[in-house]
Amino acid sequence: MTIYNIYIFNRAGTCLYYHEWNRKKRSGMSQEEEFKLMFGMLFSLKSFVSRLSPTDQIQGLSSYRTSQYKLNFYETPSGLKIILNTDFSVGNIKDTLHQLYSQVFVEYVVKNPICDQDQPIKSELFNSKLDEFVKSLPFYPET
């Protein structure tokens, strides 16, 4: 099992943070184009899931799986979107993404008076704490 990369978007679609761990294949487009494509895809998928759902769902989209990877999605009430791409064999990690938000993002971005929450995150402390959190997960590959 492995973790490939993470995206964090604000509600307006600005990519606040991106990091790779074990991503081997490049998309063949600029990073900015990739961010727009990812956000647009999530926007469309969320709309699709909510419109076709047979019941009123509170959460809606939480993940999708392909034969190559699994996209795990978590959205906060404020509209912050966290996307963690993993190996397709990783199970439900909704609670893990909530922990990432509450224990890392809130602690090192929201509570940091230097961080502007509408601008890309440049905090080295956040970067190191996120890396530490991800590498401690049971599905992060041992080296």
N, C-alpha and C. Protein backbone atom coordinates (compact mmCIF):
# COMPACT_ATOMS: atom_id res chain seq x y z
N MET A 1 0.85 -1.18 0.00
CA MET A 1 0.00 0.00 0.00
C MET A 1 0.89 1.24 0.00
N THR A 2 0.38 2.30 -0.57
CA THR A 2 1.18 3.51 -0.66
C THR A 2 0.31 4.75 -0.74
N ILE A 3 0.94 5.88 -0.51
CA ILE A 3 0.31 7.19 -0.64
C ILE A 3 1.05 7.92 -1.74
N TYR A 4 0.31 8.44 -2.72
CA TYR A 4 0.94 9.10 -3.85
C TYR A 4 1.09 10.60 -3.66
N ASN A 5 -0.01 11.30 -3.39
CA ASN A 5 0.06 12.75 -3.27
C ASN A 5 -1.17 13.30 -2.55
N ILE A 6 -1.08 14.60 -2.25
CA ILE A 6 -2.18 15.28 -1.57
C ILE A 6 -2.41 16.64 -2.23
N TYR A 7 -3.67 17.01 -2.30
CA TYR A 7 -4.08 18.34 -2.74
C TYR A 7 -4.95 18.92 -1.63
N ILE A 8 -4.80 20.21 -1.36
CA ILE A 8 -5.71 20.91 -0.45
C ILE A 8 -6.19 22.16 -1.19
N PHE A 9 -7.51 22.24 -1.38
CA PHE A 9 -8.14 23.37 -2.09
C PHE A 9 -9.02 24.15 -1.13
N ASN A 10 -9.09 25.47 -1.34
CA ASN A 10 -10.08 26.24 -0.60
C ASN A 10 -11.41 26.17 -1.36
N ARG A 11 -12.44 26.78 -0.85
CA ARG A 11 -13.77 26.66 -1.47
C ARG A 11 -13.85 27.33 -2.83
N ALA A 12 -12.94 28.26 -3.11
CA ALA A 12 -12.95 28.96 -4.40
C ALA A 12 -12.18 28.20 -5.48
N GLY A 13 -11.51 27.11 -5.11
CA GLY A 13 -10.78 26.32 -6.08
C GLY A 13 -9.29 26.61 -6.15
N THR A 14 -8.79 27.44 -5.27
CA THR A 14 -7.35 27.71 -5.23
C THR A 14 -6.65 26.55 -4.53
N CYS A 15 -5.62 26.04 -5.16
CA CYS A 15 -4.85 24.97 -4.54
C CYS A 15 -3.94 25.60 -3.49
N LEU A 16 -4.24 25.33 -2.24
CA LEU A 16 -3.46 25.89 -1.14
C LEU A 16 -2.21 25.09 -0.86
N TYR A 17 -2.24 23.80 -1.20
CA TYR A 17 -1.10 22.94 -0.88
C TYR A 17 -1.10 21.71 -1.77
N TYR A 18 0.08 21.33 -2.20
CA TYR A 18 0.26 20.10 -2.96
C TYR A 18 1.60 19.49 -2.55
N HIS A 19 1.58 18.17 -2.38
CA HIS A 19 2.82 17.47 -2.04
C HIS A 19 2.76 16.05 -2.58
N GLU A 20 3.91 15.54 -2.99
CA GLU A 20 4.01 14.17 -3.50
C GLU A 20 4.89 13.35 -2.57
N TRP A 21 4.54 12.06 -2.46
CA TRP A 21 5.39 11.11 -1.73
C TRP A 21 5.91 10.04 -2.67
N ASN A 22 5.02 9.32 -3.28
CA ASN A 22 5.42 8.18 -4.12
C ASN A 22 4.82 8.24 -5.51
N ARG A 23 4.61 9.41 -6.02
CA ARG A 23 4.02 9.56 -7.36
C ARG A 23 5.10 9.28 -8.40
N LYS A 24 4.82 8.34 -9.28
CA LYS A 24 5.81 7.95 -10.27
C LYS A 24 5.51 8.50 -11.65
N LYS A 25 4.26 8.70 -11.98
CA LYS A 25 3.88 9.15 -13.32
C LYS A 25 3.47 10.62 -13.30
N ARG A 26 3.93 11.37 -14.28
CA ARG A 26 3.58 12.79 -14.43
C ARG A 26 2.35 12.91 -15.33
N SER A 27 1.61 13.98 -15.16
CA SER A 27 0.38 14.18 -15.92
C SER A 27 0.64 14.72 -17.32
N GLY A 28 1.80 15.28 -17.58
CA GLY A 28 2.10 15.85 -18.89
C GLY A 28 1.54 17.24 -19.08
N MET A 29 1.09 17.88 -18.01
CA MET A 29 0.59 19.25 -18.08
C MET A 29 1.21 20.05 -16.95
N SER A 30 1.04 21.35 -17.02
CA SER A 30 1.60 22.20 -15.95
C SER A 30 0.88 21.90 -14.64
N GLN A 31 1.53 22.22 -13.55
CA GLN A 31 0.92 22.00 -12.23
C GLN A 31 -0.36 22.80 -12.09
N GLU A 32 -0.37 24.02 -12.59
CA GLU A 32 -1.56 24.88 -12.52
C GLU A 32 -2.73 24.24 -13.27
N GLU A 33 -2.46 23.70 -14.46
CA GLU A 33 -3.51 23.01 -15.23
C GLU A 33 -4.02 21.77 -14.49
N GLU A 34 -3.09 21.03 -13.88
CA GLU A 34 -3.48 19.85 -13.12
C GLU A 34 -4.38 20.22 -11.96
N PHE A 35 -4.07 21.30 -11.25
CA PHE A 35 -4.89 21.76 -10.13
C PHE A 35 -6.31 22.10 -10.61
N LYS A 36 -6.40 22.84 -11.71
CA LYS A 36 -7.71 23.21 -12.25
C LYS A 36 -8.50 21.98 -12.67
N LEU A 37 -7.83 21.04 -13.31
CA LEU A 37 -8.49 19.81 -13.74
C LEU A 37 -9.00 19.01 -12.54
N MET A 38 -8.17 18.89 -11.50
CA MET A 38 -8.56 18.16 -10.30
C MET A 38 -9.77 18.81 -9.63
N PHE A 39 -9.72 20.13 -9.44
CA PHE A 39 -10.82 20.82 -8.79
C PHE A 39 -12.10 20.70 -9.62
N GLY A 40 -11.99 20.87 -10.92
CA GLY A 40 -13.16 20.77 -11.81
C GLY A 40 -13.76 19.37 -11.78
N MET A 41 -12.90 18.36 -11.77
CA MET A 41 -13.38 16.99 -11.71
C MET A 41 -14.13 16.75 -10.40
N LEU A 42 -13.58 17.22 -9.28
CA LEU A 42 -14.25 17.05 -7.99
C LEU A 42 -15.60 17.78 -7.95
N PHE A 43 -15.62 18.97 -8.50
CA PHE A 43 -16.86 19.74 -8.55
C PHE A 43 -17.92 18.95 -9.32
N SER A 44 -17.54 18.41 -10.47
CA SER A 44 -18.48 17.65 -11.30
C SER A 44 -18.90 16.35 -10.62
N LEU A 45 -17.96 15.63 -10.03
CA LEU A 45 -18.29 14.38 -9.35
C LEU A 45 -19.23 14.60 -8.17
N LYS A 46 -18.97 15.64 -7.38
CA LYS A 46 -19.86 15.95 -6.25
C LYS A 46 -21.27 16.23 -6.73
N SER A 47 -21.39 16.99 -7.80
CA SER A 47 -22.69 17.31 -8.36
C SER A 47 -23.38 16.06 -8.88
N PHE A 48 -22.64 15.23 -9.59
CA PHE A 48 -23.16 13.98 -10.14
C PHE A 48 -23.66 13.06 -9.03
N VAL A 49 -22.85 12.89 -7.99
CA VAL A 49 -23.21 12.01 -6.87
C VAL A 49 -24.46 12.52 -6.16
N SER A 50 -24.53 13.81 -5.91
CA SER A 50 -25.68 14.34 -5.18
C SER A 50 -26.96 14.27 -6.01
N ARG A 51 -26.88 14.43 -7.32
CA ARG A 51 -28.08 14.40 -8.16
C ARG A 51 -28.61 12.99 -8.38
N LEU A 52 -27.73 12.02 -8.42
CA LEU A 52 -28.16 10.65 -8.70
C LEU A 52 -28.36 9.80 -7.45
N SER A 53 -28.07 10.35 -6.30
CA SER A 53 -28.23 9.61 -5.06
C SER A 53 -29.70 9.31 -4.79
N PRO A 54 -30.02 8.07 -4.44
CA PRO A 54 -31.41 7.74 -4.14
C PRO A 54 -31.89 8.26 -2.79
N THR A 55 -30.96 8.71 -1.96
CA THR A 55 -31.32 9.25 -0.65
C THR A 55 -30.62 10.59 -0.46
N ASP A 56 -31.05 11.35 0.53
CA ASP A 56 -30.36 12.58 0.87
C ASP A 56 -29.10 12.21 1.65
N GLN A 57 -27.97 12.47 1.04
CA GLN A 57 -26.71 12.13 1.69
C GLN A 57 -26.11 13.39 2.30
N ILE A 58 -25.59 13.23 3.50
CA ILE A 58 -24.92 14.35 4.14
C ILE A 58 -23.50 14.47 3.59
N GLN A 59 -22.79 13.37 3.50
CA GLN A 59 -21.40 13.38 3.07
C GLN A 59 -21.26 13.39 1.56
N GLY A 60 -21.98 12.54 0.84
CA GLY A 60 -21.84 12.47 -0.60
C GLY A 60 -20.56 11.75 -1.00
N LEU A 61 -19.78 12.38 -1.84
CA LEU A 61 -18.55 11.78 -2.36
C LEU A 61 -17.49 11.66 -1.27
N SER A 62 -16.94 10.46 -1.09
CA SER A 62 -15.84 10.29 -0.15
C SER A 62 -14.63 9.66 -0.82
N SER A 63 -14.84 8.92 -1.92
CA SER A 63 -13.71 8.34 -2.65
C SER A 63 -14.19 7.78 -3.97
N TYR A 64 -13.25 7.56 -4.86
CA TYR A 64 -13.52 6.73 -6.02
C TYR A 64 -12.26 5.94 -6.30
N ARG A 65 -12.44 4.83 -6.97
CA ARG A 65 -11.34 3.90 -7.18
C ARG A 65 -11.20 3.54 -8.65
N THR A 66 -9.97 3.47 -9.13
CA THR A 66 -9.69 2.98 -10.47
C THR A 66 -8.83 1.73 -10.30
N SER A 67 -8.38 1.17 -11.39
CA SER A 67 -7.51 -0.01 -11.30
C SER A 67 -6.09 0.38 -10.91
N GLN A 68 -5.79 1.68 -10.89
CA GLN A 68 -4.43 2.14 -10.59
C GLN A 68 -4.28 2.90 -9.26
N TYR A 69 -5.33 3.56 -8.82
CA TYR A 69 -5.25 4.36 -7.61
C TYR A 69 -6.64 4.58 -7.02
N LYS A 70 -6.65 5.15 -5.82
CA LYS A 70 -7.90 5.52 -5.17
C LYS A 70 -7.80 6.98 -4.75
N LEU A 71 -8.78 7.78 -5.11
CA LEU A 71 -8.84 9.17 -4.70
C LEU A 71 -9.73 9.23 -3.47
N ASN A 72 -9.19 9.72 -2.36
CA ASN A 72 -9.91 9.86 -1.09
C ASN A 72 -10.20 11.34 -0.89
N PHE A 73 -11.44 11.66 -0.56
CA PHE A 73 -11.89 13.05 -0.52
C PHE A 73 -12.53 13.37 0.82
N TYR A 74 -12.17 14.53 1.35
CA TYR A 74 -12.76 15.02 2.60
C TYR A 74 -13.02 16.50 2.44
N GLU A 75 -14.25 16.93 2.77
CA GLU A 75 -14.59 18.35 2.69
C GLU A 75 -15.09 18.83 4.04
N THR A 76 -14.57 19.96 4.49
CA THR A 76 -14.98 20.54 5.76
C THR A 76 -16.22 21.40 5.56
N PRO A 77 -16.93 21.74 6.63
CA PRO A 77 -18.09 22.63 6.49
C PRO A 77 -17.74 23.99 5.89
N SER A 78 -16.50 24.42 6.03
CA SER A 78 -16.09 25.71 5.47
C SER A 78 -15.73 25.62 3.99
N GLY A 79 -15.76 24.41 3.42
CA GLY A 79 -15.48 24.24 2.00
C GLY A 79 -14.05 23.85 1.66
N LEU A 80 -13.20 23.65 2.67
CA LEU A 80 -11.84 23.20 2.43
C LEU A 80 -11.91 21.76 1.92
N LYS A 81 -11.17 21.46 0.87
CA LYS A 81 -11.20 20.13 0.27
C LYS A 81 -9.82 19.50 0.36
N ILE A 82 -9.77 18.29 0.91
CA ILE A 82 -8.52 17.55 1.04
C ILE A 82 -8.65 16.29 0.19
N ILE A 83 -7.70 16.11 -0.72
CA ILE A 83 -7.68 14.95 -1.60
C ILE A 83 -6.38 14.21 -1.37
N LEU A 84 -6.48 12.95 -1.01
CA LEU A 84 -5.30 12.11 -0.80
C LEU A 84 -5.40 10.93 -1.76
N ASN A 85 -4.46 10.86 -2.70
CA ASN A 85 -4.43 9.75 -3.65
C ASN A 85 -3.57 8.64 -3.08
N THR A 86 -4.15 7.44 -3.06
CA THR A 86 -3.48 6.28 -2.47
C THR A 86 -3.55 5.10 -3.42
N ASP A 87 -2.91 4.04 -3.01
CA ASP A 87 -3.05 2.75 -3.67
C ASP A 87 -4.52 2.34 -3.59
N PHE A 88 -5.03 1.64 -4.60
CA PHE A 88 -6.44 1.27 -4.62
C PHE A 88 -6.84 0.31 -3.51
N SER A 89 -5.88 -0.34 -2.86
CA SER A 89 -6.22 -1.31 -1.81
C SER A 89 -6.45 -0.66 -0.44
N VAL A 90 -6.20 0.64 -0.30
CA VAL A 90 -6.43 1.34 0.96
C VAL A 90 -7.93 1.43 1.21
N GLY A 91 -8.36 1.10 2.41
CA GLY A 91 -9.79 1.11 2.75
C GLY A 91 -10.32 2.51 2.98
N ASN A 92 -11.40 2.61 3.75
CA ASN A 92 -12.03 3.88 4.07
C ASN A 92 -11.14 4.68 5.02
N ILE A 93 -10.74 5.87 4.60
CA ILE A 93 -9.85 6.68 5.45
C ILE A 93 -10.49 8.03 5.79
N LYS A 94 -11.81 8.07 5.82
CA LYS A 94 -12.51 9.31 6.18
C LYS A 94 -12.03 9.84 7.53
N ASP A 95 -11.92 8.96 8.53
CA ASP A 95 -11.46 9.39 9.85
C ASP A 95 -10.01 9.88 9.82
N THR A 96 -9.19 9.26 9.01
CA THR A 96 -7.79 9.68 8.87
C THR A 96 -7.72 11.08 8.27
N LEU A 97 -8.53 11.34 7.25
CA LEU A 97 -8.54 12.67 6.65
C LEU A 97 -9.07 13.72 7.62
N HIS A 98 -10.05 13.33 8.44
CA HIS A 98 -10.54 14.26 9.46
C HIS A 98 -9.43 14.56 10.48
N GLN A 99 -8.68 13.55 10.88
CA GLN A 99 -7.54 13.76 11.79
C GLN A 99 -6.50 14.67 11.15
N LEU A 100 -6.21 14.43 9.89
CA LEU A 100 -5.25 15.28 9.18
C LEU A 100 -5.71 16.73 9.23
N TYR A 101 -6.99 16.95 8.99
CA TYR A 101 -7.53 18.30 9.05
C TYR A 101 -7.42 18.89 10.45
N SER A 102 -7.93 18.16 11.45
CA SER A 102 -8.02 18.72 12.80
C SER A 102 -6.67 18.78 13.52
N GLN A 103 -5.81 17.80 13.30
CA GLN A 103 -4.55 17.75 14.04
C GLN A 103 -3.38 18.42 13.33
N VAL A 104 -3.48 18.56 12.03
CA VAL A 104 -2.37 19.18 11.29
C VAL A 104 -2.78 20.51 10.69
N PHE A 105 -3.81 20.52 9.85
CA PHE A 105 -4.21 21.76 9.18
C PHE A 105 -4.66 22.83 10.19
N VAL A 106 -5.57 22.46 11.08
CA VAL A 106 -6.07 23.45 12.04
C VAL A 106 -4.94 23.94 12.95
N GLU A 107 -4.14 23.01 13.45
CA GLU A 107 -3.07 23.38 14.38
C GLU A 107 -1.98 24.25 13.76
N TYR A 108 -1.61 23.96 12.49
CA TYR A 108 -0.43 24.62 11.92
C TYR A 108 -0.74 25.61 10.80
N VAL A 109 -2.01 25.73 10.42
CA VAL A 109 -2.40 26.75 9.44
C VAL A 109 -3.44 27.68 10.04
N VAL A 110 -4.56 27.13 10.49
CA VAL A 110 -5.64 27.97 11.01
C VAL A 110 -5.19 28.75 12.24
N LYS A 111 -4.47 28.10 13.14
CA LYS A 111 -4.03 28.76 14.37
C LYS A 111 -2.74 29.55 14.20
N ASN A 112 -2.18 29.55 13.01
CA ASN A 112 -0.94 30.29 12.75
C ASN A 112 -1.30 31.67 12.21
N PRO A 113 -1.02 32.73 12.97
CA PRO A 113 -1.41 34.07 12.53
C PRO A 113 -0.66 34.54 11.28
N ILE A 114 0.43 33.89 10.94
CA ILE A 114 1.20 34.28 9.77
C ILE A 114 0.60 33.70 8.48
N CYS A 115 -0.14 32.60 8.59
CA CYS A 115 -0.72 31.94 7.41
C CYS A 115 -2.02 32.62 7.00
N ASP A 116 -2.08 33.03 5.74
CA ASP A 116 -3.32 33.55 5.14
C ASP A 116 -4.05 32.35 4.55
N GLN A 117 -5.24 32.05 5.02
CA GLN A 117 -5.96 30.83 4.63
C GLN A 117 -6.48 30.87 3.20
N ASP A 118 -6.33 31.98 2.50
CA ASP A 118 -6.74 32.06 1.09
C ASP A 118 -5.55 32.05 0.14
N GLN A 119 -4.36 31.88 0.69
CA GLN A 119 -3.14 31.86 -0.11
C GLN A 119 -2.45 30.50 0.04
N PRO A 120 -1.65 30.11 -0.95
CA PRO A 120 -0.92 28.84 -0.82
C PRO A 120 -0.11 28.78 0.47
N ILE A 121 -0.08 27.59 1.06
CA ILE A 121 0.59 27.38 2.35
C ILE A 121 2.09 27.25 2.11
N LYS A 122 2.85 28.12 2.76
CA LYS A 122 4.30 28.12 2.61
C LYS A 122 5.01 27.77 3.91
N SER A 123 4.26 27.37 4.92
CA SER A 123 4.81 27.08 6.24
C SER A 123 5.62 25.78 6.24
N GLU A 124 6.88 25.89 6.60
CA GLU A 124 7.74 24.71 6.70
C GLU A 124 7.29 23.82 7.87
N LEU A 125 6.77 24.43 8.92
CA LEU A 125 6.27 23.66 10.06
C LEU A 125 5.08 22.80 9.63
N PHE A 126 4.14 23.39 8.88
CA PHE A 126 3.01 22.62 8.37
C PHE A 126 3.51 21.49 7.48
N ASN A 127 4.43 21.80 6.59
CA ASN A 127 4.97 20.80 5.68
C ASN A 127 5.60 19.63 6.43
N SER A 128 6.39 19.93 7.44
CA SER A 128 7.06 18.85 8.19
C SER A 128 6.06 18.06 9.04
N LYS A 129 5.07 18.72 9.64
CA LYS A 129 4.07 18.01 10.45
C LYS A 129 3.16 17.15 9.57
N LEU A 130 2.81 17.64 8.40
CA LEU A 130 2.01 16.84 7.48
C LEU A 130 2.79 15.62 7.02
N ASP A 131 4.04 15.82 6.67
CA ASP A 131 4.90 14.71 6.24
C ASP A 131 5.03 13.67 7.36
N GLU A 132 5.22 14.14 8.57
CA GLU A 132 5.31 13.25 9.74
C GLU A 132 4.00 12.47 9.93
N PHE A 133 2.87 13.17 9.82
CA PHE A 133 1.56 12.54 9.96
C PHE A 133 1.36 11.46 8.91
N VAL A 134 1.62 11.78 7.65
CA VAL A 134 1.41 10.83 6.55
C VAL A 134 2.32 9.62 6.69
N LYS A 135 3.57 9.86 7.04
CA LYS A 135 4.52 8.74 7.16
C LYS A 135 4.23 7.85 8.36
N SER A 136 3.41 8.32 9.29
CA SER A 136 3.04 7.50 10.45
C SER A 136 1.82 6.63 10.17
N LEU A 137 1.16 6.84 9.06
CA LEU A 137 -0.05 6.08 8.73
C LEU A 137 0.30 4.62 8.44
N PRO A 138 -0.58 3.69 8.82
CA PRO A 138 -0.29 2.27 8.62
C PRO A 138 -0.20 1.86 7.15
N PHE A 139 -0.77 2.63 6.26
CA PHE A 139 -0.72 2.29 4.84
C PHE A 139 0.37 3.04 4.08
N TYR A 140 1.21 3.78 4.81
CA TYR A 140 2.38 4.40 4.16
C TYR A 140 3.43 3.30 3.99
N PRO A 141 4.04 3.19 2.82
CA PRO A 141 4.99 2.08 2.61
C PRO A 141 6.25 2.22 3.46
N GLU A 142 6.67 1.12 4.00
CA GLU A 142 7.93 1.11 4.76
C GLU A 142 9.07 1.06 3.76
N THR A 143 10.13 1.78 4.09
CA THR A 143 11.28 1.79 3.17
C THR A 143 12.38 0.90 3.65
